[in-house]
Amino acid sequence: MNIPNILTLFRLFLIPVFILSFFSQSPQSLLNSTFIFLLAGITDVLDGFIARKYNLITKWGIVLDPLADKLMLVTVLSCLVVKNYIPIWILVVISIKEFLMISAGISLYKKNIVIPANGYGKIATLVFYIAILYLPFNSTISNYFIYGAVAISIGAFINYFRGYKKKFG
């Protein structure tokens, strides 16, 4: 178990911590949970940086890292829907997309094929992070970023699909 994989596991641990913070009775629950989300984002960047810089990229990490990202994202969006910060269609669209990505990833992993994240997916994730970070301060701007992130995310999905078809058939 290397440091990048430990950071990914820590990010998975932050998911229930986020939920507990988000639904706490604290008047600062939104702000506190936003900081937890930010910490998850920092660990995501850090584990990728360390893995690449020190050649600690593992097949396990290539699979688990995006899974942790997807689980965090769907969790956050679910929480936002429950508290009526965003419409449910955003959660549905992103959940379907992520389910398809995870299913395809598992299927390909079983065939010893790993498709790493692409630029569009990373941009979509970044825009989602910006949207969530804006939420405690300006929900209107946050919603615009969320809509943009959904559009970029769908574009990333199409890009993954095209790349797969081009490479495998």
N, C-alpha and C. Protein backbone atom coordinates (compact mmCIF):
# COMPACT_ATOMS: atom_id res chain seq x y z
N MET A 1 0.85 -1.18 0.00
CA MET A 1 0.00 0.00 0.00
C MET A 1 0.90 1.23 0.00
N ASN A 2 0.81 2.02 -1.06
CA ASN A 2 1.65 3.21 -1.14
C ASN A 2 0.87 4.47 -0.71
N ILE A 3 1.56 5.60 -0.64
CA ILE A 3 0.96 6.84 -0.15
C ILE A 3 -0.21 7.29 -1.03
N PRO A 4 -0.09 7.29 -2.36
CA PRO A 4 -1.25 7.69 -3.16
C PRO A 4 -2.49 6.84 -2.88
N ASN A 5 -2.30 5.53 -2.72
CA ASN A 5 -3.44 4.67 -2.44
C ASN A 5 -4.02 4.93 -1.05
N ILE A 6 -3.17 5.25 -0.10
CA ILE A 6 -3.64 5.61 1.25
C ILE A 6 -4.47 6.90 1.18
N LEU A 7 -4.00 7.86 0.38
CA LEU A 7 -4.77 9.11 0.22
C LEU A 7 -6.12 8.84 -0.43
N THR A 8 -6.16 7.92 -1.38
CA THR A 8 -7.43 7.56 -2.00
C THR A 8 -8.37 6.91 -0.99
N LEU A 9 -7.83 6.03 -0.16
CA LEU A 9 -8.65 5.42 0.90
C LEU A 9 -9.14 6.47 1.89
N PHE A 10 -8.30 7.43 2.19
CA PHE A 10 -8.71 8.52 3.08
C PHE A 10 -9.87 9.30 2.46
N ARG A 11 -9.78 9.52 1.14
CA ARG A 11 -10.87 10.22 0.44
C ARG A 11 -12.17 9.42 0.54
N LEU A 12 -12.08 8.11 0.44
CA LEU A 12 -13.28 7.28 0.63
C LEU A 12 -13.83 7.43 2.04
N PHE A 13 -12.95 7.51 3.03
CA PHE A 13 -13.35 7.71 4.42
C PHE A 13 -14.05 9.05 4.60
N LEU A 14 -13.69 10.05 3.81
CA LEU A 14 -14.29 11.38 3.93
C LEU A 14 -15.75 11.41 3.47
N ILE A 15 -16.18 10.43 2.71
CA ILE A 15 -17.57 10.42 2.22
C ILE A 15 -18.56 10.38 3.38
N PRO A 16 -18.47 9.42 4.30
CA PRO A 16 -19.43 9.46 5.42
C PRO A 16 -19.21 10.67 6.33
N VAL A 17 -17.99 11.14 6.43
CA VAL A 17 -17.73 12.34 7.23
C VAL A 17 -18.46 13.53 6.61
N PHE A 18 -18.41 13.63 5.28
CA PHE A 18 -19.13 14.69 4.59
C PHE A 18 -20.63 14.61 4.90
N ILE A 19 -21.20 13.42 4.79
CA ILE A 19 -22.63 13.24 5.03
C ILE A 19 -23.01 13.67 6.44
N LEU A 20 -22.24 13.21 7.41
CA LEU A 20 -22.52 13.58 8.81
C LEU A 20 -22.43 15.08 9.01
N SER A 21 -21.45 15.70 8.42
CA SER A 21 -21.29 17.15 8.56
C SER A 21 -22.41 17.89 7.84
N PHE A 22 -22.74 17.46 6.64
CA PHE A 22 -23.75 18.14 5.83
C PHE A 22 -25.12 18.14 6.52
N PHE A 23 -25.46 17.02 7.14
CA PHE A 23 -26.78 16.90 7.77
C PHE A 23 -26.76 17.19 9.27
N SER A 24 -25.65 17.69 9.76
CA SER A 24 -25.59 18.04 11.19
C SER A 24 -26.48 19.25 11.45
N GLN A 25 -26.76 19.48 12.69
CA GLN A 25 -27.61 20.61 13.07
C GLN A 25 -26.80 21.90 13.24
N SER A 26 -25.53 21.85 12.95
CA SER A 26 -24.67 23.01 13.08
C SER A 26 -25.10 24.10 12.10
N PRO A 27 -25.10 25.35 12.55
CA PRO A 27 -25.41 26.43 11.61
C PRO A 27 -24.34 26.56 10.52
N GLN A 28 -23.19 25.98 10.74
CA GLN A 28 -22.09 26.00 9.77
C GLN A 28 -21.98 24.70 8.98
N SER A 29 -23.03 23.89 8.97
CA SER A 29 -22.94 22.56 8.35
C SER A 29 -22.57 22.64 6.86
N LEU A 30 -23.15 23.59 6.14
CA LEU A 30 -22.82 23.71 4.71
C LEU A 30 -21.36 24.11 4.52
N LEU A 31 -20.92 25.06 5.29
CA LEU A 31 -19.53 25.51 5.18
C LEU A 31 -18.56 24.40 5.60
N ASN A 32 -18.87 23.73 6.72
CA ASN A 32 -18.00 22.65 7.20
C ASN A 32 -17.93 21.51 6.18
N SER A 33 -19.06 21.13 5.63
CA SER A 33 -19.06 20.03 4.67
C SER A 33 -18.35 20.45 3.37
N THR A 34 -18.43 21.74 3.04
CA THR A 34 -17.71 22.24 1.88
C THR A 34 -16.20 22.10 2.09
N PHE A 35 -15.73 22.37 3.29
CA PHE A 35 -14.31 22.21 3.58
C PHE A 35 -13.89 20.73 3.53
N ILE A 36 -14.77 19.84 3.96
CA ILE A 36 -14.48 18.41 3.86
C ILE A 36 -14.36 18.02 2.38
N PHE A 37 -15.27 18.55 1.58
CA PHE A 37 -15.22 18.30 0.14
C PHE A 37 -13.92 18.85 -0.46
N LEU A 38 -13.52 20.03 -0.02
CA LEU A 38 -12.27 20.62 -0.48
C LEU A 38 -11.07 19.75 -0.08
N LEU A 39 -11.10 19.23 1.15
CA LEU A 39 -10.04 18.33 1.60
C LEU A 39 -9.98 17.09 0.70
N ALA A 40 -11.13 16.57 0.34
CA ALA A 40 -11.16 15.42 -0.57
C ALA A 40 -10.53 15.78 -1.91
N GLY A 41 -10.82 16.99 -2.40
CA GLY A 41 -10.23 17.43 -3.66
C GLY A 41 -8.72 17.58 -3.57
N ILE A 42 -8.26 18.10 -2.45
CA ILE A 42 -6.81 18.25 -2.25
C ILE A 42 -6.13 16.88 -2.23
N THR A 43 -6.74 15.91 -1.54
CA THR A 43 -6.14 14.57 -1.51
C THR A 43 -6.15 13.94 -2.89
N ASP A 44 -7.17 14.27 -3.70
CA ASP A 44 -7.23 13.75 -5.06
C ASP A 44 -6.06 14.29 -5.89
N VAL A 45 -5.84 15.57 -5.82
CA VAL A 45 -4.73 16.19 -6.56
C VAL A 45 -3.39 15.66 -6.04
N LEU A 46 -3.27 15.60 -4.72
CA LEU A 46 -2.03 15.16 -4.10
C LEU A 46 -1.69 13.72 -4.44
N ASP A 47 -2.68 12.82 -4.37
CA ASP A 47 -2.35 11.42 -4.67
C ASP A 47 -1.94 11.25 -6.13
N GLY A 48 -2.58 11.98 -7.04
CA GLY A 48 -2.19 11.90 -8.44
C GLY A 48 -0.80 12.45 -8.68
N PHE A 49 -0.50 13.57 -8.03
CA PHE A 49 0.82 14.18 -8.17
C PHE A 49 1.92 13.25 -7.64
N ILE A 50 1.72 12.72 -6.45
CA ILE A 50 2.72 11.83 -5.85
C ILE A 50 2.89 10.56 -6.69
N ALA A 51 1.77 10.01 -7.14
CA ALA A 51 1.84 8.77 -7.93
C ALA A 51 2.64 8.98 -9.21
N ARG A 52 2.41 10.10 -9.89
CA ARG A 52 3.14 10.35 -11.14
C ARG A 52 4.59 10.74 -10.88
N LYS A 53 4.81 11.63 -9.91
CA LYS A 53 6.16 12.13 -9.65
C LYS A 53 7.11 11.02 -9.21
N TYR A 54 6.62 10.11 -8.37
CA TYR A 54 7.48 9.06 -7.81
C TYR A 54 7.21 7.68 -8.43
N ASN A 55 6.54 7.70 -9.57
CA ASN A 55 6.24 6.46 -10.28
C ASN A 55 5.60 5.41 -9.36
N LEU A 56 4.57 5.85 -8.65
CA LEU A 56 3.85 4.97 -7.74
C LEU A 56 2.46 4.63 -8.28
N ILE A 57 2.33 4.69 -9.59
CA ILE A 57 1.04 4.40 -10.22
C ILE A 57 0.83 2.88 -10.18
N THR A 58 -0.30 2.50 -9.64
CA THR A 58 -0.64 1.08 -9.58
C THR A 58 -1.96 0.86 -10.31
N LYS A 59 -2.16 -0.33 -10.77
CA LYS A 59 -3.41 -0.68 -11.44
C LYS A 59 -4.57 -0.47 -10.46
N TRP A 60 -4.35 -0.86 -9.22
CA TRP A 60 -5.36 -0.69 -8.17
C TRP A 60 -5.70 0.78 -8.00
N GLY A 61 -4.69 1.63 -7.99
CA GLY A 61 -4.91 3.06 -7.83
C GLY A 61 -5.61 3.68 -9.03
N ILE A 62 -5.28 3.21 -10.23
CA ILE A 62 -5.92 3.71 -11.44
C ILE A 62 -7.42 3.45 -11.40
N VAL A 63 -7.81 2.34 -10.80
CA VAL A 63 -9.22 1.99 -10.70
C VAL A 63 -9.87 2.66 -9.48
N LEU A 64 -9.22 2.60 -8.32
CA LEU A 64 -9.83 3.08 -7.09
C LEU A 64 -9.93 4.60 -7.03
N ASP A 65 -8.96 5.31 -7.57
CA ASP A 65 -8.98 6.78 -7.53
C ASP A 65 -10.22 7.36 -8.19
N PRO A 66 -10.51 7.01 -9.45
CA PRO A 66 -11.73 7.57 -10.05
C PRO A 66 -13.00 7.08 -9.37
N LEU A 67 -12.96 5.85 -8.83
CA LEU A 67 -14.13 5.34 -8.11
C LEU A 67 -14.40 6.21 -6.88
N ALA A 68 -13.35 6.55 -6.15
CA ALA A 68 -13.50 7.43 -4.98
C ALA A 68 -14.06 8.79 -5.40
N ASP A 69 -13.58 9.31 -6.52
CA ASP A 69 -14.08 10.59 -7.03
C ASP A 69 -15.56 10.51 -7.36
N LYS A 70 -15.94 9.44 -8.05
CA LYS A 70 -17.33 9.28 -8.47
C LYS A 70 -18.25 9.10 -7.26
N LEU A 71 -17.82 8.31 -6.30
CA LEU A 71 -18.64 8.11 -5.10
C LEU A 71 -18.80 9.41 -4.31
N MET A 72 -17.72 10.17 -4.20
CA MET A 72 -17.81 11.46 -3.50
C MET A 72 -18.76 12.39 -4.24
N LEU A 73 -18.62 12.47 -5.54
CA LEU A 73 -19.46 13.37 -6.33
C LEU A 73 -20.94 13.00 -6.22
N VAL A 74 -21.27 11.73 -6.38
CA VAL A 74 -22.66 11.31 -6.31
C VAL A 74 -23.21 11.52 -4.90
N THR A 75 -22.38 11.30 -3.90
CA THR A 75 -22.80 11.55 -2.52
C THR A 75 -23.11 13.03 -2.31
N VAL A 76 -22.23 13.89 -2.75
CA VAL A 76 -22.43 15.33 -2.58
C VAL A 76 -23.68 15.78 -3.33
N LEU A 77 -23.84 15.34 -4.57
CA LEU A 77 -25.02 15.72 -5.34
C LEU A 77 -26.30 15.20 -4.69
N SER A 78 -26.25 13.99 -4.14
CA SER A 78 -27.42 13.44 -3.44
C SER A 78 -27.80 14.30 -2.25
N CYS A 79 -26.80 14.70 -1.50
CA CYS A 79 -27.05 15.56 -0.34
C CYS A 79 -27.63 16.90 -0.77
N LEU A 80 -27.11 17.45 -1.85
CA LEU A 80 -27.61 18.73 -2.34
C LEU A 80 -29.06 18.62 -2.82
N VAL A 81 -29.42 17.49 -3.40
CA VAL A 81 -30.81 17.27 -3.82
C VAL A 81 -31.72 17.17 -2.60
N VAL A 82 -31.29 16.42 -1.60
CA VAL A 82 -32.11 16.24 -0.39
C VAL A 82 -32.44 17.59 0.25
N LYS A 83 -31.48 18.49 0.25
CA LYS A 83 -31.71 19.81 0.86
C LYS A 83 -32.18 20.86 -0.17
N ASN A 84 -32.56 20.40 -1.36
CA ASN A 84 -33.12 21.27 -2.40
C ASN A 84 -32.17 22.37 -2.88
N TYR A 85 -30.88 22.11 -2.87
CA TYR A 85 -29.94 23.07 -3.45
C TYR A 85 -29.88 22.94 -4.96
N ILE A 86 -30.09 21.73 -5.46
CA ILE A 86 -30.05 21.49 -6.91
C ILE A 86 -31.25 20.61 -7.28
N PRO A 87 -31.67 20.67 -8.55
CA PRO A 87 -32.77 19.81 -8.99
C PRO A 87 -32.32 18.35 -9.12
N ILE A 88 -33.26 17.46 -8.96
CA ILE A 88 -32.94 16.02 -8.96
C ILE A 88 -32.42 15.55 -10.32
N TRP A 89 -32.81 16.21 -11.42
CA TRP A 89 -32.36 15.74 -12.72
C TRP A 89 -30.84 15.74 -12.84
N ILE A 90 -30.19 16.67 -12.14
CA ILE A 90 -28.72 16.71 -12.18
C ILE A 90 -28.16 15.43 -11.56
N LEU A 91 -28.70 15.05 -10.42
CA LEU A 91 -28.26 13.81 -9.77
C LEU A 91 -28.53 12.61 -10.67
N VAL A 92 -29.69 12.56 -11.29
CA VAL A 92 -30.05 11.43 -12.15
C VAL A 92 -29.09 11.32 -13.34
N VAL A 93 -28.87 12.43 -14.02
CA VAL A 93 -27.98 12.42 -15.19
C VAL A 93 -26.57 11.99 -14.79
N ILE A 94 -26.04 12.60 -13.76
CA ILE A 94 -24.67 12.28 -13.34
C ILE A 94 -24.59 10.86 -12.79
N SER A 95 -25.59 10.41 -12.05
CA SER A 95 -25.58 9.05 -11.51
C SER A 95 -25.59 8.01 -12.63
N ILE A 96 -26.42 8.23 -13.64
CA ILE A 96 -26.46 7.30 -14.77
C ILE A 96 -25.10 7.28 -15.47
N LYS A 97 -24.56 8.45 -15.72
CA LYS A 97 -23.26 8.54 -16.38
C LYS A 97 -22.18 7.83 -15.56
N GLU A 98 -22.16 8.08 -14.25
CA GLU A 98 -21.14 7.47 -13.40
C GLU A 98 -21.34 5.96 -13.29
N PHE A 99 -22.59 5.51 -13.21
CA PHE A 99 -22.87 4.08 -13.16
C PHE A 99 -22.35 3.40 -14.43
N LEU A 100 -22.61 4.02 -15.57
CA LEU A 100 -22.12 3.45 -16.83
C LEU A 100 -20.60 3.44 -16.88
N MET A 101 -19.98 4.51 -16.38
CA MET A 101 -18.51 4.58 -16.36
C MET A 101 -17.93 3.51 -15.43
N ILE A 102 -18.52 3.34 -14.25
CA ILE A 102 -18.02 2.34 -13.30
C ILE A 102 -18.22 0.94 -13.87
N SER A 103 -19.40 0.69 -14.43
CA SER A 103 -19.67 -0.63 -15.01
C SER A 103 -18.70 -0.95 -16.14
N ALA A 104 -18.49 0.01 -17.01
CA ALA A 104 -17.54 -0.20 -18.11
C ALA A 104 -16.13 -0.40 -17.57
N GLY A 105 -15.77 0.39 -16.57
CA GLY A 105 -14.44 0.26 -15.97
C GLY A 105 -14.21 -1.11 -15.37
N ILE A 106 -15.21 -1.62 -14.67
CA ILE A 106 -15.09 -2.96 -14.06
C ILE A 106 -14.98 -4.02 -15.15
N SER A 107 -15.81 -3.89 -16.16
CA SER A 107 -15.79 -4.85 -17.27
C SER A 107 -14.43 -4.86 -17.97
N LEU A 108 -13.91 -3.67 -18.24
CA LEU A 108 -12.62 -3.57 -18.91
C LEU A 108 -11.49 -4.03 -18.00
N TYR A 109 -11.59 -3.74 -16.70
CA TYR A 109 -10.57 -4.15 -15.74
C TYR A 109 -10.45 -5.68 -15.73
N LYS A 110 -11.58 -6.37 -15.82
CA LYS A 110 -11.57 -7.83 -15.85
C LYS A 110 -10.85 -8.36 -17.09
N LYS A 111 -10.80 -7.54 -18.13
CA LYS A 111 -10.11 -7.92 -19.36
C LYS A 111 -8.70 -7.36 -19.41
N ASN A 112 -8.22 -6.86 -18.26
CA ASN A 112 -6.89 -6.25 -18.15
C ASN A 112 -6.74 -4.99 -19.00
N ILE A 113 -7.84 -4.28 -19.19
CA ILE A 113 -7.82 -3.02 -19.92
C ILE A 113 -8.17 -1.92 -18.93
N VAL A 114 -7.31 -0.93 -18.83
CA VAL A 114 -7.58 0.21 -17.96
C VAL A 114 -7.50 1.48 -18.81
N ILE A 115 -8.58 2.23 -18.79
CA ILE A 115 -8.60 3.50 -19.52
C ILE A 115 -8.49 4.62 -18.49
N PRO A 116 -7.38 5.33 -18.49
CA PRO A 116 -7.20 6.39 -17.49
C PRO A 116 -8.10 7.60 -17.77
N ALA A 117 -8.22 8.46 -16.77
CA ALA A 117 -9.03 9.66 -16.91
C ALA A 117 -8.52 10.51 -18.06
N ASN A 118 -9.46 11.20 -18.70
CA ASN A 118 -9.04 12.10 -19.78
C ASN A 118 -9.22 13.55 -19.33
N GLY A 119 -8.79 14.45 -20.15
CA GLY A 119 -8.84 15.88 -19.81
C GLY A 119 -10.24 16.40 -19.56
N TYR A 120 -11.21 15.96 -20.36
CA TYR A 120 -12.58 16.42 -20.17
C TYR A 120 -13.12 16.00 -18.81
N GLY A 121 -12.83 14.78 -18.43
CA GLY A 121 -13.29 14.29 -17.12
C GLY A 121 -12.67 15.09 -15.98
N LYS A 122 -11.39 15.42 -16.14
CA LYS A 122 -10.71 16.20 -15.10
C LYS A 122 -11.27 17.62 -15.04
N ILE A 123 -11.58 18.20 -16.19
CA ILE A 123 -12.17 19.54 -16.21
C ILE A 123 -13.56 19.51 -15.57
N ALA A 124 -14.35 18.49 -15.89
CA ALA A 124 -15.69 18.37 -15.29
C ALA A 124 -15.58 18.27 -13.78
N THR A 125 -14.64 17.48 -13.30
CA THR A 125 -14.45 17.34 -11.86
C THR A 125 -14.05 18.68 -11.25
N LEU A 126 -13.14 19.38 -11.88
CA LEU A 126 -12.71 20.69 -11.39
C LEU A 126 -13.89 21.66 -11.32
N VAL A 127 -14.72 21.68 -12.35
CA VAL A 127 -15.87 22.59 -12.37
C VAL A 127 -16.87 22.21 -11.28
N PHE A 128 -17.06 20.91 -11.06
CA PHE A 128 -17.93 20.49 -9.95
C PHE A 128 -17.37 20.99 -8.61
N TYR A 129 -16.06 20.87 -8.43
CA TYR A 129 -15.45 21.34 -7.19
C TYR A 129 -15.64 22.85 -7.02
N ILE A 130 -15.47 23.60 -8.09
CA ILE A 130 -15.68 25.05 -8.02
C ILE A 130 -17.13 25.35 -7.64
N ALA A 131 -18.05 24.62 -8.26
CA ALA A 131 -19.48 24.83 -7.97
C ALA A 131 -19.79 24.58 -6.50
N ILE A 132 -19.28 23.50 -5.96
CA ILE A 132 -19.55 23.16 -4.56
C ILE A 132 -18.87 24.17 -3.64
N LEU A 133 -17.69 24.60 -3.99
CA LEU A 133 -16.99 25.58 -3.15
C LEU A 133 -17.71 26.93 -3.14
N TYR A 134 -18.38 27.28 -4.22
CA TYR A 134 -19.14 28.53 -4.28
C TYR A 134 -20.45 28.45 -3.50
N LEU A 135 -20.98 27.25 -3.33
CA LEU A 135 -22.32 27.08 -2.77
C LEU A 135 -22.58 27.83 -1.47
N PRO A 136 -21.69 27.77 -0.48
CA PRO A 136 -22.00 28.48 0.77
C PRO A 136 -22.01 30.01 0.61
N PHE A 137 -21.43 30.49 -0.47
CA PHE A 137 -21.27 31.93 -0.63
C PHE A 137 -22.22 32.54 -1.65
N ASN A 138 -22.52 31.79 -2.72
CA ASN A 138 -23.39 32.32 -3.76
C ASN A 138 -24.01 31.14 -4.51
N SER A 139 -25.24 30.79 -4.16
CA SER A 139 -25.87 29.61 -4.76
C SER A 139 -26.18 29.81 -6.24
N THR A 140 -26.44 31.03 -6.67
CA THR A 140 -26.72 31.28 -8.09
C THR A 140 -25.51 30.97 -8.94
N ILE A 141 -24.37 31.51 -8.57
CA ILE A 141 -23.13 31.23 -9.31
C ILE A 141 -22.81 29.74 -9.22
N SER A 142 -23.00 29.15 -8.07
CA SER A 142 -22.75 27.73 -7.89
C SER A 142 -23.59 26.91 -8.87
N ASN A 143 -24.86 27.26 -9.01
CA ASN A 143 -25.73 26.52 -9.92
C ASN A 143 -25.27 26.63 -11.37
N TYR A 144 -24.82 27.80 -11.78
CA TYR A 144 -24.29 27.94 -13.14
C TYR A 144 -23.09 27.02 -13.35
N PHE A 145 -22.22 26.96 -12.36
CA PHE A 145 -21.07 26.06 -12.47
C PHE A 145 -21.53 24.60 -12.50
N ILE A 146 -22.53 24.26 -11.72
CA ILE A 146 -23.03 22.88 -11.72
C ILE A 146 -23.60 22.53 -13.09
N TYR A 147 -24.38 23.42 -13.69
CA TYR A 147 -24.92 23.16 -15.02
C TYR A 147 -23.78 22.99 -16.03
N GLY A 148 -22.78 23.84 -15.92
CA GLY A 148 -21.62 23.72 -16.80
C GLY A 148 -20.90 22.40 -16.59
N ALA A 149 -20.76 22.00 -15.33
CA ALA A 149 -20.09 20.74 -15.02
C ALA A 149 -20.86 19.55 -15.58
N VAL A 150 -22.18 19.61 -15.52
CA VAL A 150 -23.00 18.53 -16.09
C VAL A 150 -22.75 18.43 -17.59
N ALA A 151 -22.75 19.58 -18.27
CA ALA A 151 -22.52 19.58 -19.72
C ALA A 151 -21.13 19.03 -20.05
N ILE A 152 -20.12 19.46 -19.31
CA ILE A 152 -18.75 18.97 -19.55
C ILE A 152 -18.66 17.48 -19.24
N SER A 153 -19.34 17.06 -18.20
CA SER A 153 -19.34 15.65 -17.81
C SER A 153 -19.95 14.77 -18.90
N ILE A 154 -21.04 15.25 -19.48
CA ILE A 154 -21.65 14.50 -20.59
C ILE A 154 -20.69 14.47 -21.78
N GLY A 155 -20.03 15.59 -22.04
CA GLY A 155 -19.03 15.63 -23.10
C GLY A 155 -17.89 14.66 -22.83
N ALA A 156 -17.46 14.57 -21.58
CA ALA A 156 -16.39 13.64 -21.21
C ALA A 156 -16.83 12.20 -21.45
N PHE A 157 -18.08 11.90 -21.10
CA PHE A 157 -18.61 10.56 -21.32
C PHE A 157 -18.59 10.21 -22.81
N ILE A 158 -19.05 11.13 -23.63
CA ILE A 158 -19.04 10.92 -25.08
C ILE A 158 -17.61 10.73 -25.57
N ASN A 159 -16.69 11.51 -25.04
CA ASN A 159 -15.28 11.40 -25.42
C ASN A 159 -14.70 10.03 -25.03
N TYR A 160 -15.02 9.55 -23.81
CA TYR A 160 -14.57 8.22 -23.39
C TYR A 160 -15.12 7.16 -24.34
N PHE A 161 -16.40 7.28 -24.65
CA PHE A 161 -17.05 6.30 -25.51
C PHE A 161 -16.40 6.28 -26.89
N ARG A 162 -16.17 7.46 -27.46
CA ARG A 162 -15.50 7.55 -28.76
C ARG A 162 -14.10 6.95 -28.72
N GLY A 163 -13.36 7.26 -27.63
CA GLY A 163 -12.02 6.72 -27.49
C GLY A 163 -12.02 5.21 -27.40
N TYR A 164 -12.98 4.67 -26.68
CA TYR A 164 -13.09 3.21 -26.56
C TYR A 164 -13.41 2.59 -27.93
N LYS A 165 -14.39 3.17 -28.62
CA LYS A 165 -14.78 2.64 -29.92
C LYS A 165 -13.62 2.71 -30.91
N LYS A 166 -12.86 3.77 -30.87
CA LYS A 166 -11.73 3.95 -31.78
C LYS A 166 -10.63 2.92 -31.49
N LYS A 167 -10.41 2.65 -30.19
CA LYS A 167 -9.33 1.76 -29.81
C LYS A 167 -9.72 0.28 -29.89
N PHE A 168 -10.99 -0.03 -29.53
CA PHE A 168 -11.38 -1.44 -29.40
C PHE A 168 -12.50 -1.87 -30.34
N GLY A 169 -13.00 -0.92 -31.09
CA GLY A 169 -13.88 -1.39 -32.03
C GLY A 169 -15.17 -1.07 -32.42
